[in-house]
Amino acid sequence: MSGAGHSANRVLLVLLIAGMAAALGLAFVTQAPNRLVSGVGVPLRELLHGGNWALISVPAAVLALAAFLRQSAATHGLVAVAAAALLAALAWLAGAHAKQLSDAAEAAGNSAGRTSFGGGLWVLTVLCWLAAADAVQRLKFGALGRTLALGAVLAPVIVMAASGALDALSLFKEYDNRQDVFDAALWRHAQIVGVTLLPTLLIGVPLGVMAHRHPRFGTPVFALLNVIQTVPSIALFGLLMAPLAALAVALPALGIAGIGLAPAVIALALYSLLPIVQSTLTGLREVPAAAVEAATGMGLTPRQVFWRVQVPLALPLLLSGLRLTTVQAIGLAVVAALIGAGGLGAIMFQGLLSSALDLVLLGVLPVVAMAVGVDALFAVLTQWAQRRQP
């Protein structure tokens, strides 16, 4: 219960205090003469002139008021809308400032200048997202409802980016300069993950079924898979290069190389086996014995019991394991760029080698977005599977 002078939403209040500290103490954007120089920070207060005050202060005031209101569905909805509005306002303000500086620089004959996101803008963006996510969570939507609501929070920023309102920012300039490379890297990253999941499922699910039916078989399998998990990813990639190179020499018709896609997929598949086998085994163990007995009593064969009863009841846990596996593969595929597999990791490491932060972000941010999107998709699929259980 809330009373006078007490916050009804302490999470939101903490986020607001952190946001105020970030706005006052960190640079909102940074200005640099080129992409390789650190640049000079520009605080948020220097950009708040004219109508810009209202763009920031109105949604911020709504959030501050909502922190002390009685908590209800209407209040949570108000917080989500205000957080989305503040996020959009921050993005627009950064884009407009970058456009103004870019036009002035080009008029002076300097097209190499860069305006980048500052630490304050990144912190404020994360805090707005957390406020919106917390509000959506409190609204108690289903998985699909949460995904759509959080997508609506990001929609204004996505529209601005698609319309070119943010093109003057350094991150988007890096994308414009490397659009073909970025598109190829994005497709390659998705290809690595997709090709990894196929052998993982074809091997992992049968291993989980065998471990369920024959517990003695499962003991050495899990011991081996646990050992694989302890090996660092880059070490496993390196260990696979030598045998695959020898295999390429012995059997050139296979088209396998010691570097590139083959060792990346094999290593990622090995890492992905443990969660798939474990979720398959756990899902089958969680099937009620009464359900199996009832199906058997109805005259179903063991094969029919497996496909019509055990698999549907175990599917939500299997999807949870696949969810974890896919998100893990998306992240580990970044490291695979070190052995020539390509993908978004290649862009990230190129940025690290050249000390270009925005180029690093061009590789990192799509990986984060891909992981979040896949996680939301599997959350929806898991809930759908739970509702369709017999």
Protein backbone atom coordinates (compact mmCIF):
# COMPACT_ATOMS: atom_id res chain seq x y z
CA MET A 1 0.00 0.00 0.00
CA SER A 2 1.18 3.50 -0.72
CA GLY A 3 0.87 6.53 1.46
CA ALA A 4 1.76 10.20 1.34
CA GLY A 5 5.41 10.71 0.55
CA HIS A 6 5.98 7.03 -0.19
CA SER A 7 6.58 5.60 -3.66
CA ALA A 8 4.04 3.10 -4.90
CA ASN A 9 6.53 1.88 -7.52
CA ARG A 10 10.02 1.73 -6.03
CA VAL A 11 11.49 0.15 -9.16
CA LEU A 12 10.40 3.10 -11.27
CA LEU A 13 11.64 5.56 -8.65
CA VAL A 14 15.11 3.95 -8.62
CA LEU A 15 15.20 4.08 -12.43
CA LEU A 16 14.24 7.76 -12.38
CA ILE A 17 16.99 8.60 -9.89
CA ALA A 18 19.54 6.69 -11.97
CA GLY A 19 18.30 8.45 -15.09
CA MET A 20 18.66 11.88 -13.49
CA ALA A 21 22.20 11.03 -12.41
CA ALA A 22 23.06 9.86 -15.95
CA ALA A 23 21.52 12.95 -17.54
CA LEU A 24 23.48 15.29 -15.24
CA GLY A 25 26.77 13.44 -14.99
CA LEU A 26 27.37 11.76 -18.36
CA ALA A 27 27.75 13.00 -21.91
CA PHE A 28 24.58 12.72 -23.97
CA VAL A 29 26.45 12.62 -27.29
CA THR A 30 30.10 12.93 -28.28
CA GLN A 31 31.52 15.00 -31.12
CA ALA A 32 34.74 13.99 -32.88
CA PRO A 33 36.56 15.22 -36.01
CA ASN A 34 36.69 11.64 -37.37
CA ARG A 35 35.67 8.07 -36.52
CA LEU A 36 38.98 7.15 -34.84
CA VAL A 37 39.16 9.96 -32.29
CA SER A 38 37.46 9.74 -28.90
CA GLY A 39 35.62 13.03 -29.20
CA VAL A 40 34.25 15.62 -26.77
CA GLY A 41 31.17 14.95 -24.69
CA VAL A 42 28.08 17.14 -24.93
CA PRO A 43 25.74 17.08 -21.89
CA LEU A 44 21.99 16.82 -22.30
CA ARG A 45 21.34 20.29 -20.89
CA GLU A 46 23.12 21.94 -23.85
CA LEU A 47 20.60 20.37 -26.24
CA LEU A 48 17.51 21.37 -24.26
CA HIS A 49 16.62 24.67 -25.88
CA GLY A 50 13.36 25.84 -27.36
CA GLY A 51 10.73 23.12 -27.64
CA ASN A 52 13.26 20.40 -26.80
CA TRP A 53 12.55 20.98 -23.11
CA ALA A 54 8.96 19.85 -23.54
CA LEU A 55 9.97 16.74 -25.51
CA ILE A 56 12.03 15.49 -22.58
CA SER A 57 10.35 17.04 -19.55
CA VAL A 58 6.75 16.00 -20.29
CA PRO A 59 7.28 12.19 -20.47
CA ALA A 60 9.83 12.42 -17.64
CA ALA A 61 7.30 14.26 -15.46
CA VAL A 62 4.65 11.65 -16.28
CA LEU A 63 7.03 8.90 -15.19
CA ALA A 64 7.84 10.76 -11.98
CA LEU A 65 4.14 11.22 -11.22
CA ALA A 66 3.38 7.56 -12.01
CA ALA A 67 5.99 6.47 -9.46
CA PHE A 68 3.75 7.86 -6.70
CA LEU A 69 0.32 6.95 -8.07
CA ARG A 70 -1.69 3.99 -6.85
CA GLN A 71 -0.61 1.04 -8.93
CA SER A 72 -3.20 -0.19 -11.42
CA ALA A 73 -3.41 -1.37 -15.00
CA ALA A 74 -3.99 2.23 -16.11
CA THR A 75 -0.87 3.40 -14.25
CA HIS A 76 1.26 0.64 -15.74
CA GLY A 77 -0.02 1.47 -19.22
CA LEU A 78 0.79 5.14 -18.62
CA VAL A 79 4.34 4.24 -17.59
CA ALA A 80 4.87 2.13 -20.73
CA VAL A 81 3.59 4.93 -23.00
CA ALA A 82 5.64 7.60 -21.21
CA ALA A 83 8.80 5.47 -21.35
CA ALA A 84 8.28 4.90 -25.08
CA ALA A 85 7.74 8.63 -25.62
CA LEU A 86 10.86 9.53 -23.65
CA LEU A 87 12.92 6.95 -25.54
CA ALA A 88 11.70 8.34 -28.87
CA ALA A 89 12.39 11.91 -27.74
CA LEU A 90 15.96 11.06 -26.71
CA ALA A 91 16.65 9.36 -30.05
CA TRP A 92 15.15 12.26 -32.02
CA LEU A 93 17.13 14.81 -30.02
CA ALA A 94 20.40 13.00 -30.71
CA GLY A 95 19.57 12.62 -34.40
CA ALA A 96 18.55 16.27 -34.80
CA HIS A 97 21.70 17.49 -33.07
CA ALA A 98 23.86 15.22 -35.22
CA LYS A 99 22.10 16.46 -38.38
CA GLN A 100 22.71 20.08 -37.40
CA LEU A 101 26.41 19.45 -36.80
CA SER A 102 26.75 17.37 -39.97
CA ASP A 103 25.23 20.09 -42.14
CA ALA A 104 27.52 22.69 -40.59
CA ALA A 105 30.59 20.49 -41.06
CA GLU A 106 29.77 19.73 -44.69
CA ALA A 107 29.26 23.44 -45.35
CA ALA A 108 32.76 23.98 -43.96
CA GLY A 109 34.17 21.20 -46.15
CA ASN A 110 34.63 18.59 -43.40
CA SER A 111 32.63 15.42 -44.02
CA ALA A 112 34.65 13.24 -41.64
CA GLY A 113 33.11 14.58 -38.42
CA ARG A 114 31.22 12.15 -36.23
CA THR A 115 28.48 12.52 -33.62
CA SER A 116 28.09 9.38 -31.53
CA PHE A 117 25.89 8.19 -28.69
CA GLY A 118 27.34 9.21 -25.34
CA GLY A 119 27.30 7.25 -22.14
CA GLY A 120 24.35 9.26 -20.83
CA LEU A 121 22.21 8.43 -23.85
CA TRP A 122 23.00 4.72 -23.57
CA VAL A 123 22.15 4.67 -19.87
CA LEU A 124 18.93 6.62 -20.40
CA THR A 125 17.95 4.29 -23.24
CA VAL A 126 18.46 1.23 -21.06
CA LEU A 127 16.55 2.82 -18.18
CA CYS A 128 13.60 3.73 -20.43
CA TRP A 129 13.53 0.17 -21.71
CA LEU A 130 13.64 -1.24 -18.18
CA ALA A 131 10.80 1.05 -17.08
CA ALA A 132 8.68 -0.02 -20.05
CA ALA A 133 9.53 -3.70 -19.56
CA ASP A 134 8.66 -3.52 -15.86
CA ALA A 135 5.32 -1.86 -16.66
CA VAL A 136 4.47 -4.44 -19.32
CA GLN A 137 5.40 -7.22 -16.92
CA ARG A 138 3.06 -5.78 -14.27
CA LEU A 139 0.23 -5.73 -16.81
CA LYS A 140 0.46 -9.55 -16.79
CA PHE A 141 0.14 -10.03 -20.52
CA GLY A 142 0.82 -13.41 -22.07
CA ALA A 143 4.06 -14.03 -23.95
CA LEU A 144 2.61 -12.75 -27.23
CA GLY A 145 1.09 -9.70 -25.55
CA ARG A 146 4.40 -8.82 -23.88
CA THR A 147 6.27 -9.19 -27.15
CA LEU A 148 3.83 -6.95 -29.02
CA ALA A 149 3.80 -4.36 -26.24
CA LEU A 150 7.59 -4.16 -26.05
CA GLY A 151 7.74 -4.03 -29.84
CA ALA A 152 5.38 -1.03 -29.72
CA VAL A 153 7.75 0.68 -27.27
CA LEU A 154 10.57 0.44 -29.81
CA ALA A 155 8.40 1.18 -32.84
CA PRO A 156 8.87 5.01 -32.83
CA VAL A 157 12.66 4.68 -32.77
CA ILE A 158 12.56 2.06 -35.53
CA VAL A 159 10.37 4.35 -37.65
CA MET A 160 12.79 7.24 -37.14
CA ALA A 161 15.74 5.07 -38.11
CA ALA A 162 13.94 3.79 -41.24
CA SER A 163 12.90 7.32 -42.26
CA GLY A 164 16.47 8.64 -42.11
CA ALA A 165 15.98 10.90 -39.09
CA LEU A 166 19.02 9.32 -37.40
CA ASP A 167 21.28 9.04 -40.46
CA ALA A 168 23.65 11.78 -39.27
CA LEU A 169 24.68 9.77 -36.23
CA SER A 170 28.00 7.96 -36.52
CA LEU A 171 26.48 4.50 -36.06
CA PHE A 172 24.20 4.96 -39.05
CA LYS A 173 27.02 6.47 -41.10
CA GLU A 174 29.00 3.31 -40.47
CA TYR A 175 26.04 1.30 -41.70
CA ASP A 176 25.70 3.42 -44.85
CA ASN A 177 29.40 2.98 -45.60
CA ARG A 178 29.23 -0.80 -45.12
CA GLN A 179 25.67 -1.73 -46.01
CA ASP A 180 26.63 -4.57 -48.35
CA VAL A 181 29.18 -5.93 -45.87
CA PHE A 182 26.67 -5.65 -43.03
CA ASP A 183 23.89 -7.42 -44.95
CA ALA A 184 26.25 -10.25 -45.89
CA ALA A 185 27.50 -10.54 -42.29
CA LEU A 186 23.96 -10.59 -40.92
CA TRP A 187 22.95 -13.36 -43.32
CA ARG A 188 26.12 -15.30 -42.53
CA HIS A 189 25.45 -15.01 -38.79
CA ALA A 190 21.92 -16.32 -39.22
CA GLN A 191 23.27 -19.10 -41.43
CA ILE A 192 25.79 -20.19 -38.78
CA VAL A 193 23.09 -20.33 -36.12
CA GLY A 194 20.57 -22.10 -38.36
CA VAL A 195 23.05 -24.71 -39.59
CA THR A 196 24.13 -25.30 -35.98
CA LEU A 197 20.60 -26.01 -34.73
CA LEU A 198 19.91 -28.73 -37.32
CA PRO A 199 22.57 -31.27 -36.18
CA THR A 200 21.98 -30.22 -32.58
CA LEU A 201 18.34 -31.29 -32.75
CA LEU A 202 19.03 -34.38 -34.85
CA ILE A 203 21.60 -35.60 -32.30
CA GLY A 204 20.46 -34.04 -29.04
CA VAL A 205 16.80 -35.07 -29.01
CA PRO A 206 17.50 -38.79 -29.67
CA LEU A 207 20.22 -38.70 -26.99
CA GLY A 208 17.71 -37.24 -24.53
CA VAL A 209 15.16 -39.91 -25.41
CA MET A 210 17.76 -42.66 -24.99
CA ALA A 211 18.86 -41.19 -21.65
CA HIS A 212 15.24 -41.26 -20.51
CA ARG A 213 14.66 -44.86 -21.56
CA HIS A 214 18.08 -46.13 -20.47
CA PRO A 215 19.40 -44.15 -17.47
CA ARG A 216 22.74 -46.00 -17.54
CA PHE A 217 23.28 -44.65 -21.05
CA GLY A 218 22.63 -41.10 -19.88
CA THR A 219 25.39 -41.05 -17.25
CA PRO A 220 28.41 -41.14 -19.60
CA VAL A 221 26.62 -38.91 -22.13
CA PHE A 222 26.12 -36.13 -19.61
CA ALA A 223 29.65 -36.58 -18.28
CA LEU A 224 31.02 -36.01 -21.80
CA LEU A 225 28.74 -33.07 -22.53
CA ASN A 226 29.68 -31.41 -19.23
CA VAL A 227 33.36 -31.73 -20.11
CA ILE A 228 32.70 -30.03 -23.47
CA GLN A 229 30.95 -27.17 -21.69
CA THR A 230 34.05 -26.50 -19.58
CA VAL A 231 36.27 -25.95 -22.64
CA PRO A 232 36.47 -22.24 -23.58
CA SER A 233 34.79 -21.51 -26.90
CA ILE A 234 37.84 -20.08 -28.65
CA ALA A 235 39.90 -23.09 -27.50
CA LEU A 236 37.34 -25.51 -28.91
CA PHE A 237 37.32 -23.64 -32.22
CA GLY A 238 41.10 -23.92 -32.32
CA LEU A 239 41.14 -27.60 -31.40
CA LEU A 240 38.86 -28.42 -34.32
CA MET A 241 40.95 -26.61 -36.91
CA ALA A 242 43.77 -29.17 -37.10
CA PRO A 243 41.68 -32.35 -37.59
CA LEU A 244 39.39 -30.61 -40.07
CA ALA A 245 42.40 -29.33 -42.03
CA ALA A 246 43.77 -32.89 -42.16
CA LEU A 247 40.37 -34.17 -43.27
CA ALA A 248 40.26 -31.52 -46.00
CA VAL A 249 43.58 -32.77 -47.35
CA ALA A 250 42.58 -36.43 -47.15
CA LEU A 251 39.09 -35.96 -48.62
CA PRO A 252 39.05 -32.78 -50.71
CA ALA A 253 35.75 -33.80 -52.31
CA LEU A 254 33.96 -33.03 -49.02
CA GLY A 255 34.73 -29.35 -49.39
CA ILE A 256 35.59 -29.01 -45.68
CA ALA A 257 38.25 -26.54 -44.57
CA GLY A 258 40.16 -26.15 -41.33
CA ILE A 259 38.79 -22.65 -40.95
CA GLY A 260 35.46 -21.11 -41.76
CA LEU A 261 31.97 -22.49 -41.38
CA ALA A 262 32.75 -26.16 -40.65
CA PRO A 263 34.69 -25.81 -37.35
CA ALA A 264 32.31 -23.06 -36.23
CA VAL A 265 29.21 -25.21 -36.75
CA ILE A 266 30.77 -28.30 -35.16
CA ALA A 267 31.94 -26.38 -32.09
CA LEU A 268 28.63 -24.58 -31.65
CA ALA A 269 26.72 -27.84 -32.07
CA LEU A 270 28.86 -29.49 -29.39
CA TYR A 271 28.16 -26.58 -27.02
CA SER A 272 24.44 -26.73 -27.83
CA LEU A 273 23.97 -30.44 -27.14
CA LEU A 274 23.86 -30.25 -23.34
CA PRO A 275 20.80 -27.96 -22.98
CA ILE A 276 18.92 -29.88 -25.69
CA VAL A 277 19.65 -33.31 -24.18
CA GLN A 278 18.90 -32.03 -20.68
CA SER A 279 15.60 -30.37 -21.65
CA THR A 280 14.49 -33.44 -23.61
CA LEU A 281 15.25 -35.74 -20.68
CA THR A 282 13.60 -33.40 -18.15
CA GLY A 283 10.55 -32.95 -20.33
CA LEU A 284 10.02 -36.70 -20.69
CA ARG A 285 10.58 -37.24 -16.95
CA GLU A 286 7.94 -34.62 -16.15
CA VAL A 287 5.25 -36.46 -18.12
CA PRO A 288 2.79 -37.81 -15.52
CA ALA A 289 2.90 -41.59 -15.24
CA ALA A 290 -0.90 -41.57 -15.00
CA ALA A 291 -1.13 -40.05 -18.49
CA VAL A 292 1.07 -42.77 -19.95
CA GLU A 293 -0.89 -45.49 -18.13
CA ALA A 294 -4.20 -44.06 -19.32
CA ALA A 295 -2.99 -43.94 -22.92
CA THR A 296 -1.73 -47.51 -22.69
CA GLY A 297 -5.03 -48.62 -21.18
CA MET A 298 -6.85 -47.06 -24.15
CA GLY A 299 -4.95 -49.45 -26.44
CA LEU A 300 -2.28 -47.11 -27.79
CA THR A 301 0.97 -48.72 -28.87
CA PRO A 302 4.26 -47.55 -27.30
CA ARG A 303 5.00 -45.52 -30.44
CA GLN A 304 1.58 -43.85 -30.29
CA VAL A 305 1.99 -43.13 -26.58
CA PHE A 306 5.32 -41.46 -27.32
CA TRP A 307 4.11 -39.21 -30.15
CA ARG A 308 0.59 -38.48 -28.91
CA VAL A 309 1.18 -38.14 -25.18
CA GLN A 310 4.82 -37.87 -24.16
CA VAL A 311 6.03 -35.55 -26.92
CA PRO A 312 3.19 -32.98 -26.55
CA LEU A 313 3.58 -32.94 -22.77
CA ALA A 314 7.38 -32.64 -22.98
CA LEU A 315 7.35 -30.06 -25.81
CA PRO A 316 7.28 -26.91 -23.61
CA LEU A 317 10.46 -27.95 -21.80
CA LEU A 318 12.11 -28.95 -25.08
CA LEU A 319 11.28 -25.52 -26.50
CA SER A 320 12.77 -23.91 -23.39
CA GLY A 321 16.00 -25.82 -24.01
CA LEU A 322 15.96 -24.85 -27.68
CA ARG A 323 15.38 -21.24 -26.62
CA LEU A 324 18.48 -21.31 -24.44
CA THR A 325 20.49 -23.10 -27.11
CA THR A 326 19.59 -20.64 -29.85
CA VAL A 327 20.37 -17.56 -27.78
CA GLN A 328 23.67 -19.13 -26.72
CA ALA A 329 24.54 -19.97 -30.34
CA ILE A 330 23.79 -16.40 -31.46
CA GLY A 331 26.28 -15.09 -28.92
CA LEU A 332 28.99 -17.71 -29.48
CA ALA A 333 28.79 -17.25 -33.25
CA VAL A 334 30.43 -13.85 -32.70
CA VAL A 335 33.62 -15.60 -31.52
CA ALA A 336 33.53 -17.85 -34.60
CA ALA A 337 34.63 -14.87 -36.68
CA LEU A 338 38.12 -15.37 -35.27
CA ILE A 339 38.49 -18.59 -37.27
CA GLY A 340 37.17 -17.13 -40.50
CA ALA A 341 33.51 -18.08 -40.14
CA GLY A 342 32.39 -14.52 -40.80
CA GLY A 343 29.18 -13.12 -39.41
CA LEU A 344 28.59 -10.05 -37.31
CA GLY A 345 31.62 -10.89 -35.17
CA ALA A 346 33.85 -9.98 -38.13
CA ILE A 347 32.48 -6.42 -38.08
CA MET A 348 32.88 -6.21 -34.32
CA PHE A 349 36.50 -7.37 -34.35
CA GLN A 350 37.29 -5.05 -37.24
CA GLY A 351 36.01 -2.18 -35.13
CA LEU A 352 38.09 -3.31 -32.15
CA LEU A 353 41.25 -3.51 -34.25
CA SER A 354 40.69 -0.01 -35.65
CA SER A 355 39.47 1.46 -32.32
CA ALA A 356 36.20 2.50 -33.98
CA LEU A 357 33.53 2.19 -31.30
CA ASP A 358 30.58 2.72 -33.64
CA LEU A 359 31.83 -0.04 -35.91
CA VAL A 360 31.97 -2.33 -32.87
CA LEU A 361 28.37 -1.38 -32.06
CA LEU A 362 27.35 -2.06 -35.65
CA GLY A 363 28.35 -5.67 -35.05
CA VAL A 364 27.15 -5.97 -31.45
CA LEU A 365 23.71 -4.35 -31.53
CA PRO A 366 22.25 -6.67 -34.22
CA VAL A 367 23.45 -9.66 -32.19
CA VAL A 368 21.64 -8.32 -29.13
CA ALA A 369 18.51 -7.60 -31.17
CA MET A 370 18.64 -11.06 -32.74
CA ALA A 371 18.99 -12.74 -29.34
CA VAL A 372 16.14 -10.72 -27.82
CA GLY A 373 13.89 -11.41 -30.82
CA VAL A 374 14.59 -15.14 -30.79
CA ASP A 375 14.04 -15.28 -27.02
CA ALA A 376 10.65 -13.57 -27.41
CA LEU A 377 9.70 -15.89 -30.29
CA PHE A 378 10.43 -19.02 -28.28
CA ALA A 379 8.59 -17.61 -25.28
CA VAL A 380 5.50 -17.29 -27.47
CA LEU A 381 5.99 -20.80 -28.90
CA THR A 382 6.45 -22.28 -25.41
CA GLN A 383 3.23 -20.71 -24.17
CA TRP A 384 1.42 -21.95 -27.30
CA ALA A 385 2.72 -25.49 -26.67
CA GLN A 386 1.56 -25.34 -23.05
CA ARG A 387 -1.95 -24.38 -24.10
CA ARG A 388 -2.16 -27.19 -26.64
CA GLN A 389 -1.08 -29.91 -24.23
CA PRO A 390 -3.47 -32.87 -24.10
